[in-house]
Amino acid sequence: MTVKNTQRDRINSNCTPEELGRAIAGIDLASIPPEKRKQAITERLVEVMLATTDSTEERRKPNFQLALDTYGQLRRRRARSQIII
């Protein structure tokens, strides 16, 4: 049996629940197609995490690095799709 320490893997942020609520409420979901809403909310969560995590120790955690890589890939994919050849 393997025990996983989720508290150790958690990324500490200085974002309050009210700030997070305002950030999520700022998304205009009416203009986003229903199949892409989950992606839009996930991207906003990552943006908030990136903006509110100041500690270099927290930024070195594997979960933070994975979220950062995924966010970058999504941004590059979106920018690539807007290039007109």
C-alpha atoms as a PDB file:
ATOM      1  CA  MET A   1       0.000   0.000   0.000  1.00  0.00           C
ATOM      2  CA  THR A   2       1.318   3.415  -0.964  1.00  0.00           C
ATOM      3  CA  VAL A   3       0.555   6.506   1.079  1.00  0.00           C
ATOM      4  CA  LYS A   4       0.531   9.817  -0.762  1.00  0.00           C
ATOM      5  CA  ASN A   5       1.133  13.059   1.113  1.00  0.00           C
ATOM      6  CA  THR A   6      -1.219  15.490  -0.639  1.00  0.00           C
ATOM      7  CA  GLN A   7      -0.393  18.341   1.749  1.00  0.00           C
ATOM      8  CA  ARG A   8       3.242  18.229   0.658  1.00  0.00           C
ATOM      9  CA  ASP A   9       2.253  18.370  -3.039  1.00  0.00           C
ATOM     10  CA  ARG A  10      -0.215  21.209  -2.535  1.00  0.00           C
ATOM     11  CA  ILE A  11       0.855  24.591  -3.897  1.00  0.00           C
ATOM     12  CA  ASN A  12       0.509  27.352  -1.319  1.00  0.00           C
ATOM     13  CA  SER A  13      -0.785  30.642  -2.651  1.00  0.00           C
ATOM     14  CA  ASN A  14      -1.626  33.996  -1.130  1.00  0.00           C
ATOM     15  CA  CYS A  15      -4.955  34.182  -2.992  1.00  0.00           C
ATOM     16  CA  THR A  16      -8.061  34.543  -0.844  1.00  0.00           C
ATOM     17  CA  PRO A  17     -11.294  32.708  -1.717  1.00  0.00           C
ATOM     18  CA  GLU A  18     -12.891  36.083  -2.522  1.00  0.00           C
ATOM     19  CA  GLU A  19     -10.129  36.952  -5.007  1.00  0.00           C
ATOM     20  CA  LEU A  20     -10.428  33.548  -6.617  1.00  0.00           C
ATOM     21  CA  GLY A  21     -14.192  33.972  -6.872  1.00  0.00           C
ATOM     22  CA  ARG A  22     -13.799  37.357  -8.567  1.00  0.00           C
ATOM     23  CA  ALA A  23     -11.227  35.929 -10.988  1.00  0.00           C
ATOM     24  CA  ILE A  24     -13.491  33.041 -11.983  1.00  0.00           C
ATOM     25  CA  ALA A  25     -16.532  35.328 -12.206  1.00  0.00           C
ATOM     26  CA  GLY A  26     -14.563  37.549 -14.594  1.00  0.00           C
ATOM     27  CA  ILE A  27     -14.722  34.898 -17.316  1.00  0.00           C
ATOM     28  CA  ASP A  28     -17.369  35.642 -19.926  1.00  0.00           C
ATOM     29  CA  LEU A  29     -18.732  32.109 -20.289  1.00  0.00           C
ATOM     30  CA  ALA A  30     -21.536  33.262 -22.588  1.00  0.00           C
ATOM     31  CA  SER A  31     -19.015  33.959 -25.339  1.00  0.00           C
ATOM     32  CA  ILE A  32     -17.245  30.600 -24.910  1.00  0.00           C
ATOM     33  CA  PRO A  33     -18.606  27.470 -26.618  1.00  0.00           C
ATOM     34  CA  PRO A  34     -19.926  24.900 -24.097  1.00  0.00           C
ATOM     35  CA  GLU A  35     -17.288  22.319 -25.032  1.00  0.00           C
ATOM     36  CA  LYS A  36     -14.460  24.779 -24.215  1.00  0.00           C
ATOM     37  CA  ARG A  37     -15.770  26.171 -20.921  1.00  0.00           C
ATOM     38  CA  LYS A  38     -13.942  23.639 -18.765  1.00  0.00           C
ATOM     39  CA  GLN A  39     -10.678  24.549 -20.489  1.00  0.00           C
ATOM     40  CA  ALA A  40     -11.334  28.280 -19.989  1.00  0.00           C
ATOM     41  CA  ILE A  41     -11.985  27.817 -16.261  1.00  0.00           C
ATOM     42  CA  THR A  42      -8.889  25.633 -15.882  1.00  0.00           C
ATOM     43  CA  GLU A  43      -6.759  28.230 -17.660  1.00  0.00           C
ATOM     44  CA  ARG A  44      -8.060  30.971 -15.367  1.00  0.00           C
ATOM     45  CA  LEU A  45      -7.233  28.854 -12.295  1.00  0.00           C
ATOM     46  CA  VAL A  46      -3.690  28.380 -13.573  1.00  0.00           C
ATOM     47  CA  GLU A  47      -3.367  32.119 -14.280  1.00  0.00           C
ATOM     48  CA  VAL A  48      -4.445  32.910 -10.720  1.00  0.00           C
ATOM     49  CA  MET A  49      -2.024  30.310  -9.342  1.00  0.00           C
ATOM     50  CA  LEU A  50       0.853  31.744 -11.381  1.00  0.00           C
ATOM     51  CA  ALA A  51       0.061  35.292 -10.321  1.00  0.00           C
ATOM     52  CA  THR A  52      -0.387  34.599  -6.607  1.00  0.00           C
ATOM     53  CA  THR A  53       2.471  32.178  -5.897  1.00  0.00           C
ATOM     54  CA  ASP A  54       5.527  34.190  -4.856  1.00  0.00           C
ATOM     55  CA  SER A  55       7.685  31.602  -3.119  1.00  0.00           C
ATOM     56  CA  THR A  56      10.472  30.093  -5.230  1.00  0.00           C
ATOM     57  CA  GLU A  57      10.168  26.882  -3.218  1.00  0.00           C
ATOM     58  CA  GLU A  58       6.517  26.590  -4.226  1.00  0.00           C
ATOM     59  CA  ARG A  59       7.387  27.305  -7.861  1.00  0.00           C
ATOM     60  CA  ARG A  60       9.852  24.390  -7.862  1.00  0.00           C
ATOM     61  CA  LYS A  61       7.193  21.818  -6.951  1.00  0.00           C
ATOM     62  CA  PRO A  62       6.383  19.305  -9.698  1.00  0.00           C
ATOM     63  CA  ASN A  63       2.670  20.191  -9.678  1.00  0.00           C
ATOM     64  CA  PHE A  64       3.466  23.877 -10.275  1.00  0.00           C
ATOM     65  CA  GLN A  65       5.888  23.034 -13.083  1.00  0.00           C
ATOM     66  CA  LEU A  66       3.329  20.731 -14.710  1.00  0.00           C
ATOM     67  CA  ALA A  67       0.650  23.422 -14.563  1.00  0.00           C
ATOM     68  CA  LEU A  68       3.069  25.979 -15.994  1.00  0.00           C
ATOM     69  CA  ASP A  69       4.047  23.681 -18.884  1.00  0.00           C
ATOM     70  CA  THR A  70       0.422  22.850 -19.649  1.00  0.00           C
ATOM     71  CA  TYR A  71      -0.560  26.530 -19.572  1.00  0.00           C
ATOM     72  CA  GLY A  72       2.285  27.387 -21.954  1.00  0.00           C
ATOM     73  CA  GLN A  73       1.309  24.607 -24.347  1.00  0.00           C
ATOM     74  CA  LEU A  74      -2.298  25.786 -24.413  1.00  0.00           C
ATOM     75  CA  ARG A  75      -1.212  29.369 -25.088  1.00  0.00           C
ATOM     76  CA  ARG A  76       1.136  28.312 -27.908  1.00  0.00           C
ATOM     77  CA  ARG A  77      -1.531  26.092 -29.456  1.00  0.00           C
ATOM     78  CA  ARG A  78      -4.033  28.952 -29.425  1.00  0.00           C
ATOM     79  CA  ALA A  79      -1.507  31.398 -30.911  1.00  0.00           C
ATOM     80  CA  ARG A  80      -0.567  28.888 -33.612  1.00  0.00           C
ATOM     81  CA  SER A  81      -4.204  28.466 -34.632  1.00  0.00           C
ATOM     82  CA  GLN A  82      -4.503  32.236 -35.193  1.00  0.00           C
ATOM     83  CA  ILE A  83      -1.598  32.383 -37.644  1.00  0.00           C
ATOM     84  CA  ILE A  84      -2.776  32.885 -41.198  1.00  0.00           C
ATOM     85  CA  ILE A  85      -0.651  31.194 -43.835  1.00  0.00           C
END
